[in-house]
């Protein structure tokens, strides 16, 4: 796999289980987790991204409310 950033120290590990923490740290520096939120007056859509890909989505719907005018017209 071609990495976009420099590798500070080359290492090899042999064992029954993979050691992914050094690679995860390298990728985390480049692709931190973040969220994007789209809002309107009645709903919110939430998108969570990590490692350059969409990880999760969610949606919140509110109740419709009626807008009323006050005596001064606002």
PDB file of N, CA and C in Angstrom:
ATOM      1  N   UNK A   1       0.850  -1.163   0.000  1.00  0.00           N
ATOM      2  CA  UNK A   1       0.000   0.000   0.000  1.00  0.00           C
ATOM      3  C   UNK A   1       0.898   1.230   0.000  1.00  0.00           C
ATOM      4  N   UNK A   2       0.630   2.160  -0.891  1.00  0.00           N
ATOM      5  CA  UNK A   2       1.380   3.412  -0.959  1.00  0.00           C
ATOM      6  C   UNK A   2       0.811   4.394   0.062  1.00  0.00           C
ATOM      7  N   UNK A   3       1.660   4.916   0.936  1.00  0.00           N
ATOM      8  CA  UNK A   3       1.237   5.878   1.946  1.00  0.00           C
ATOM      9  C   UNK A   3       1.582   7.276   1.487  1.00  0.00           C
ATOM     10  N   UNK A   4       0.716   8.235   1.807  1.00  0.00           N
ATOM     11  CA  UNK A   4       0.917   9.613   1.389  1.00  0.00           C
ATOM     12  C   UNK A   4       1.880  10.375   2.285  1.00  0.00           C
ATOM     13  N   UNK A   5       2.124   9.873   3.478  1.00  0.00           N
ATOM     14  CA  UNK A   5       3.003  10.563   4.416  1.00  0.00           C
ATOM     15  C   UNK A   5       4.274   9.769   4.660  1.00  0.00           C
ATOM     16  N   UNK A   6       5.266  10.400   5.261  1.00  0.00           N
ATOM     17  CA  UNK A   6       6.516   9.696   5.549  1.00  0.00           C
ATOM     18  C   UNK A   6       6.359   8.700   6.689  1.00  0.00           C
ATOM     19  N   UNK A   7       7.107   7.627   6.630  1.00  0.00           N
ATOM     20  CA  UNK A   7       7.151   6.634   7.698  1.00  0.00           C
ATOM     21  C   UNK A   7       8.429   6.900   8.479  1.00  0.00           C
ATOM     22  N   UNK A   8       8.274   7.282   9.748  1.00  0.00           N
ATOM     23  CA  UNK A   8       9.435   7.675  10.545  1.00  0.00           C
ATOM     24  C   UNK A   8      10.359   6.508  10.858  1.00  0.00           C
ATOM     25  N   UNK A   9       9.796   5.336  11.106  1.00  0.00           N
ATOM     26  CA  UNK A   9      10.619   4.201  11.510  1.00  0.00           C
ATOM     27  C   UNK A   9      10.075   2.940  10.848  1.00  0.00           C
ATOM     28  N   UNK A  10      10.914   2.208  10.146  1.00  0.00           N
ATOM     29  CA  UNK A  10      10.510   0.955   9.521  1.00  0.00           C
ATOM     30  C   UNK A  10      10.615  -0.163  10.545  1.00  0.00           C
ATOM     31  N   UNK A  11       9.567  -0.986  10.641  1.00  0.00           N
ATOM     32  CA  UNK A  11       9.548  -2.080  11.606  1.00  0.00           C
ATOM     33  C   UNK A  11       8.875  -3.286  10.973  1.00  0.00           C
ATOM     34  N   UNK A  12       9.237  -4.455  11.444  1.00  0.00           N
ATOM     35  CA  UNK A  12       8.558  -5.684  11.037  1.00  0.00           C
ATOM     36  C   UNK A  12       8.203  -6.453  12.311  1.00  0.00           C
ATOM     37  N   UNK A  13       6.986  -6.984  12.342  1.00  0.00           N
ATOM     38  CA  UNK A  13       6.510  -7.748  13.489  1.00  0.00           C
ATOM     39  C   UNK A  13       6.017  -9.094  12.987  1.00  0.00           C
ATOM     40  N   UNK A  14       6.388 -10.150  13.685  1.00  0.00           N
ATOM     41  CA  UNK A  14       5.947 -11.499  13.358  1.00  0.00           C
ATOM     42  C   UNK A  14       5.231 -12.042  14.578  1.00  0.00           C
ATOM     43  N   UNK A  15       4.018 -12.515  14.369  1.00  0.00           N
ATOM     44  CA  UNK A  15       3.261 -13.052  15.483  1.00  0.00           C
ATOM     45  C   UNK A  15       1.929 -13.597  15.024  1.00  0.00           C
ATOM     46  N   UNK A  16       1.188 -14.138  15.962  1.00  0.00           N
ATOM     47  CA  UNK A  16      -0.109 -14.742  15.657  1.00  0.00           C
ATOM     48  C   UNK A  16      -1.183 -13.688  15.401  1.00  0.00           C
ATOM     49  N   UNK A  17      -1.001 -12.477  15.928  1.00  0.00           N
ATOM     50  CA  UNK A  17      -1.980 -11.413  15.727  1.00  0.00           C
ATOM     51  C   UNK A  17      -1.306 -10.213  15.072  1.00  0.00           C
ATOM     52  N   UNK A  18      -2.028  -9.506  14.218  1.00  0.00           N
ATOM     53  CA  UNK A  18      -1.422  -8.345  13.560  1.00  0.00           C
ATOM     54  C   UNK A  18      -1.222  -7.193  14.535  1.00  0.00           C
ATOM     55  N   UNK A  19      -0.180  -6.423  14.323  1.00  0.00           N
ATOM     56  CA  UNK A  19       0.071  -5.230  15.134  1.00  0.00           C
ATOM     57  C   UNK A  19      -0.211  -4.018  14.239  1.00  0.00           C
ATOM     58  N   UNK A  20      -1.393  -3.456  14.381  1.00  0.00           N
ATOM     59  CA  UNK A  20      -1.858  -2.402  13.485  1.00  0.00           C
ATOM     60  C   UNK A  20      -1.765  -1.003  14.082  1.00  0.00           C
ATOM     61  N   UNK A  21      -1.439  -0.886  15.356  1.00  0.00           N
ATOM     62  CA  UNK A  21      -1.436   0.424  15.998  1.00  0.00           C
ATOM     63  C   UNK A  21      -0.493   1.421  15.318  1.00  0.00           C
ATOM     64  N   UNK A  22       0.758   1.047  14.954  1.00  0.00           N
ATOM     65  CA  UNK A  22       1.609   2.028  14.267  1.00  0.00           C
ATOM     66  C   UNK A  22       1.011   2.517  12.944  1.00  0.00           C
ATOM     67  N   UNK A  23       0.414   1.617  12.179  1.00  0.00           N
ATOM     68  CA  UNK A  23      -0.221   2.010  10.920  1.00  0.00           C
ATOM     69  C   UNK A  23      -1.452   2.874  11.181  1.00  0.00           C
ATOM     70  N   UNK A  24      -2.241   2.515  12.184  1.00  0.00           N
ATOM     71  CA  UNK A  24      -3.426   3.307  12.520  1.00  0.00           C
ATOM     72  C   UNK A  24      -3.041   4.720  12.944  1.00  0.00           C
ATOM     73  N   UNK A  25      -1.963   4.851  13.700  1.00  0.00           N
ATOM     74  CA  UNK A  25      -1.511   6.191  14.107  1.00  0.00           C
ATOM     75  C   UNK A  25      -1.078   7.012  12.901  1.00  0.00           C
ATOM     76  N   UNK A  26      -0.376   6.394  11.971  1.00  0.00           N
ATOM     77  CA  UNK A  26       0.068   7.087  10.767  1.00  0.00           C
ATOM     78  C   UNK A  26      -1.133   7.558   9.952  1.00  0.00           C
ATOM     79  N   UNK A  27      -2.122   6.689   9.776  1.00  0.00           N
ATOM     80  CA  UNK A  27      -3.307   7.050   9.008  1.00  0.00           C
ATOM     81  C   UNK A  27      -4.179   8.051   9.747  1.00  0.00           C
ATOM     82  N   UNK A  28      -4.237   7.967  11.071  1.00  0.00           N
ATOM     83  CA  UNK A  28      -5.065   8.885  11.859  1.00  0.00           C
ATOM     84  C   UNK A  28      -4.561  10.314  11.745  1.00  0.00           C
ATOM     85  N   UNK A  29      -3.241  10.489  11.640  1.00  0.00           N
ATOM     86  CA  UNK A  29      -2.700  11.831  11.469  1.00  0.00           C
ATOM     87  C   UNK A  29      -3.179  12.445  10.161  1.00  0.00           C
ATOM     88  N   UNK A  30      -3.331  11.642   9.163  1.00  0.00           N
ATOM     89  CA  UNK A  30      -3.725  12.126   7.833  1.00  0.00           C
ATOM     90  C   UNK A  30      -5.239  12.212   7.671  1.00  0.00           C
ATOM     91  N   UNK A  31      -5.969  11.287   8.287  1.00  0.00           N
ATOM     92  CA  UNK A  31      -7.421  11.181   8.095  1.00  0.00           C
ATOM     93  C   UNK A  31      -8.126  11.171   9.445  1.00  0.00           C
ATOM     94  N   UNK A  32      -8.181  12.294  10.105  1.00  0.00           N
ATOM     95  CA  UNK A  32      -8.853  12.352  11.398  1.00  0.00           C
ATOM     96  C   UNK A  32     -10.363  12.248  11.210  1.00  0.00           C
ATOM     97  N   UNK A  33     -11.041  11.783  12.260  1.00  0.00           N
ATOM     98  CA  UNK A  33     -12.494  11.651  12.220  1.00  0.00           C
ATOM     99  C   UNK A  33     -13.128  13.032  12.357  1.00  0.00           C
ATOM    100  N   UNK A  34     -14.177  13.271  11.596  1.00  0.00           N
ATOM    101  CA  UNK A  34     -14.910  14.519  11.691  1.00  0.00           C
ATOM    102  C   UNK A  34     -16.362  14.270  11.318  1.00  0.00           C
ATOM    103  N   UNK A  35     -17.199  15.242  11.641  1.00  0.00           N
ATOM    104  CA  UNK A  35     -18.628  15.134  11.342  1.00  0.00           C
ATOM    105  C   UNK A  35     -19.069  16.352  10.556  1.00  0.00           C
ATOM    106  N   UNK A  36     -20.031  16.139   9.684  1.00  0.00           N
ATOM    107  CA  UNK A  36     -20.664  17.218   8.936  1.00  0.00           C
ATOM    108  C   UNK A  36     -22.157  17.157   9.245  1.00  0.00           C
ATOM    109  N   UNK A  37     -22.758  18.308   9.433  1.00  0.00           N
ATOM    110  CA  UNK A  37     -24.175  18.378   9.795  1.00  0.00           C
ATOM    111  C   UNK A  37     -24.886  19.299   8.818  1.00  0.00           C
ATOM    112  N   UNK A  38     -25.986  18.822   8.255  1.00  0.00           N
ATOM    113  CA  UNK A  38     -26.852  19.640   7.411  1.00  0.00           C
ATOM    114  C   UNK A  38     -28.131  19.932   8.177  1.00  0.00           C
ATOM    115  N   UNK A  39     -28.478  21.214   8.288  1.00  0.00           N
ATOM    116  CA  UNK A  39     -29.627  21.615   9.100  1.00  0.00           C
ATOM    117  C   UNK A  39     -30.651  22.371   8.279  1.00  0.00           C
ATOM    118  N   UNK A  40     -31.898  22.249   8.666  1.00  0.00           N
ATOM    119  CA  UNK A  40     -32.941  23.167   8.243  1.00  0.00           C
ATOM    120  C   UNK A  40     -33.832  23.410   9.456  1.00  0.00           C
ATOM    121  N   UNK A  41     -34.975  24.021   9.257  1.00  0.00           N
ATOM    122  CA  UNK A  41     -35.805  24.390  10.406  1.00  0.00           C
ATOM    123  C   UNK A  41     -36.477  23.199  11.089  1.00  0.00           C
ATOM    124  N   UNK A  42     -36.507  22.046  10.425  1.00  0.00           N
ATOM    125  CA  UNK A  42     -37.216  20.909  11.005  1.00  0.00           C
ATOM    126  C   UNK A  42     -36.378  19.649  11.158  1.00  0.00           C
ATOM    127  N   UNK A  43     -35.181  19.620  10.610  1.00  0.00           N
ATOM    128  CA  UNK A  43     -34.414  18.378  10.683  1.00  0.00           C
ATOM    129  C   UNK A  43     -32.912  18.645  10.663  1.00  0.00           C
ATOM    130  N   UNK A  44     -32.177  17.615  11.037  1.00  0.00           N
ATOM    131  CA  UNK A  44     -30.710  17.652  10.979  1.00  0.00           C
ATOM    132  C   UNK A  44     -30.240  16.307  10.440  1.00  0.00           C
ATOM    133  N   UNK A  45     -29.298  16.346   9.522  1.00  0.00           N
ATOM    134  CA  UNK A  45     -28.670  15.137   8.994  1.00  0.00           C
ATOM    135  C   UNK A  45     -27.205  15.178   9.407  1.00  0.00           C
ATOM    136  N   UNK A  46     -26.728  14.084   9.994  1.00  0.00           N
ATOM    137  CA  UNK A  46     -25.377  14.016  10.534  1.00  0.00           C
ATOM    138  C   UNK A  46     -24.599  12.945   9.774  1.00  0.00           C
ATOM    139  N   UNK A  47     -23.381  13.296   9.344  1.00  0.00           N
ATOM    140  CA  UNK A  47     -22.508  12.383   8.627  1.00  0.00           C
ATOM    141  C   UNK A  47     -21.169  12.326   9.373  1.00  0.00           C
ATOM    142  N   UNK A  48     -20.699  11.133   9.710  1.00  0.00           N
ATOM    143  CA  UNK A  48     -19.424  10.968  10.403  1.00  0.00           C
ATOM    144  C   UNK A  48     -18.446  10.315   9.426  1.00  0.00           C
ATOM    145  N   UNK A  49     -17.286  10.958   9.260  1.00  0.00           N
ATOM    146  CA  UNK A  49     -16.260  10.468   8.354  1.00  0.00           C
ATOM    147  C   UNK A  49     -15.016  10.084   9.147  1.00  0.00           C
ATOM    148  N   UNK A  50     -14.349   9.034   8.731  1.00  0.00           N
ATOM    149  CA  UNK A  50     -13.096   8.609   9.328  1.00  0.00           C
ATOM    150  C   UNK A  50     -12.288   7.823   8.330  1.00  0.00           C
ATOM    151  N   UNK A  51     -10.993   7.985   8.359  1.00  0.00           N
ATOM    152  CA  UNK A  51     -10.091   7.341   7.411  1.00  0.00           C
ATOM    153  C   UNK A  51     -10.510   7.620   5.972  1.00  0.00           C
ATOM    154  N   UNK A  52     -11.043   8.831   5.744  1.00  0.00           N
ATOM    155  CA  UNK A  52     -11.396   9.253   4.397  1.00  0.00           C
ATOM    156  C   UNK A  52     -12.683   8.658   3.857  1.00  0.00           C
ATOM    157  N   UNK A  53     -13.465   7.959   4.689  1.00  0.00           N
ATOM    158  CA  UNK A  53     -14.709   7.342   4.233  1.00  0.00           C
ATOM    159  C   UNK A  53     -15.854   7.664   5.177  1.00  0.00           C
ATOM    160  N   UNK A  54     -17.065   7.577   4.656  1.00  0.00           N
ATOM    161  CA  UNK A  54     -18.263   7.766   5.467  1.00  0.00           C
ATOM    162  C   UNK A  54     -18.416   6.580   6.404  1.00  0.00           C
ATOM    163  N   UNK A  55     -18.478   6.835   7.717  1.00  0.00           N
ATOM    164  CA  UNK A  55     -18.607   5.768   8.715  1.00  0.00           C
ATOM    165  C   UNK A  55     -20.034   5.589   9.203  1.00  0.00           C
ATOM    166  N   UNK A  56     -20.755   6.689   9.367  1.00  0.00           N
ATOM    167  CA  UNK A  56     -22.101   6.593   9.937  1.00  0.00           C
ATOM    168  C   UNK A  56     -22.927   7.803   9.512  1.00  0.00           C
ATOM    169  N   UNK A  57     -24.230   7.616   9.499  1.00  0.00           N
ATOM    170  CA  UNK A  57     -25.157   8.712   9.232  1.00  0.00           C
ATOM    171  C   UNK A  57     -26.285   8.652  10.250  1.00  0.00           C
ATOM    172  N   UNK A  58     -26.932   9.764  10.440  1.00  0.00           N
ATOM    173  CA  UNK A  58     -28.088   9.822  11.322  1.00  0.00           C
ATOM    174  C   UNK A  58     -28.972  10.984  10.920  1.00  0.00           C
ATOM    175  N   UNK A  59     -30.204  10.918  11.318  1.00  0.00           N
ATOM    176  CA  UNK A  59     -31.144  11.989  10.997  1.00  0.00           C
ATOM    177  C   UNK A  59     -32.052  12.236  12.191  1.00  0.00           C
ATOM    178  N   UNK A  60     -32.308  13.491  12.454  1.00  0.00           N
ATOM    179  CA  UNK A  60     -33.197  13.895  13.538  1.00  0.00           C
ATOM    180  C   UNK A  60     -34.294  14.742  12.932  1.00  0.00           C
ATOM    181  N   UNK A  61     -35.533  14.379  13.186  1.00  0.00           N
ATOM    182  CA  UNK A  61     -36.683  15.133  12.691  1.00  0.00           C
ATOM    183  C   UNK A  61     -37.373  15.812  13.868  1.00  0.00           C
ATOM    184  N   UNK A  62     -37.688  17.076  13.697  1.00  0.00           N
ATOM    185  CA  UNK A  62     -38.420  17.811  14.717  1.00  0.00           C
ATOM    186  C   UNK A  62     -39.892  17.902  14.359  1.00  0.00           C
ATOM    187  N   UNK A  63     -40.665  18.404  15.301  1.00  0.00           N
ATOM    188  CA  UNK A  63     -42.090  18.595  15.044  1.00  0.00           C
ATOM    189  C   UNK A  63     -42.300  19.898  14.286  1.00  0.00           C
ATOM    190  N   UNK A  64     -43.255  19.873  13.382  1.00  0.00           N
ATOM    191  CA  UNK A  64     -43.599  21.105  12.679  1.00  0.00           C
ATOM    192  C   UNK A  64     -44.288  22.048  13.660  1.00  0.00           C
ATOM    193  N   UNK A  65     -43.868  23.285  13.624  1.00  0.00           N
ATOM    194  CA  UNK A  65     -44.498  24.289  14.473  1.00  0.00           C
ATOM    195  C   UNK A  65     -45.066  25.377  13.592  1.00  0.00           C
ATOM    196  N   UNK A  66     -46.111  26.006  14.063  1.00  0.00           N
ATOM    197  CA  UNK A  66     -46.727  27.108  13.321  1.00  0.00           C
ATOM    198  C   UNK A  66     -46.102  28.404  13.771  1.00  0.00           C
ATOM    199  N   UNK A  67     -45.805  29.238  12.815  1.00  0.00           N
ATOM    200  CA  UNK A  67     -45.261  30.551  13.128  1.00  0.00           C
ATOM    201  C   UNK A  67     -46.435  31.496  13.388  1.00  0.00           C
ATOM    202  N   UNK A  68     -46.373  32.224  14.510  1.00  0.00           N
ATOM    203  CA  UNK A  68     -47.433  33.170  14.831  1.00  0.00           C
ATOM    204  C   UNK A  68     -46.860  34.568  14.882  1.00  0.00           C
ATOM    205  N   UNK A  69     -47.689  35.529  14.555  1.00  0.00           N
ATOM    206  CA  UNK A  69     -47.270  36.926  14.599  1.00  0.00           C
ATOM    207  C   UNK A  69     -47.637  37.549  15.948  1.00  0.00           C
ATOM    208  N   UNK A  70     -46.789  38.434  16.404  1.00  0.00           N
ATOM    209  CA  UNK A  70     -47.074  39.172  17.616  1.00  0.00           C
ATOM    210  C   UNK A  70     -47.853  40.433  17.247  1.00  0.00           C
ATOM    211  N   UNK A  71     -48.252  41.191  18.235  1.00  0.00           N
ATOM    212  CA  UNK A  71     -49.047  42.405  18.008  1.00  0.00           C
ATOM    213  C   UNK A  71     -48.282  43.433  17.166  1.00  0.00           C
ATOM    214  N   UNK A  72     -46.938  43.441  17.265  1.00  0.00           N
ATOM    215  CA  UNK A  72     -46.174  44.432  16.483  1.00  0.00           C
ATOM    216  C   UNK A  72     -45.829  43.921  15.084  1.00  0.00           C
ATOM    217  N   UNK A  73     -46.330  42.765  14.676  1.00  0.00           N
ATOM    218  CA  UNK A  73     -46.146  42.264  13.316  1.00  0.00           C
ATOM    219  C   UNK A  73     -44.897  41.444  13.107  1.00  0.00           C
ATOM    220  N   UNK A  74     -44.178  41.079  14.159  1.00  0.00           N
ATOM    221  CA  UNK A  74     -42.965  40.265  14.000  1.00  0.00           C
ATOM    222  C   UNK A  74     -43.216  38.827  14.331  1.00  0.00           C
TER     223      UNK A  74
END
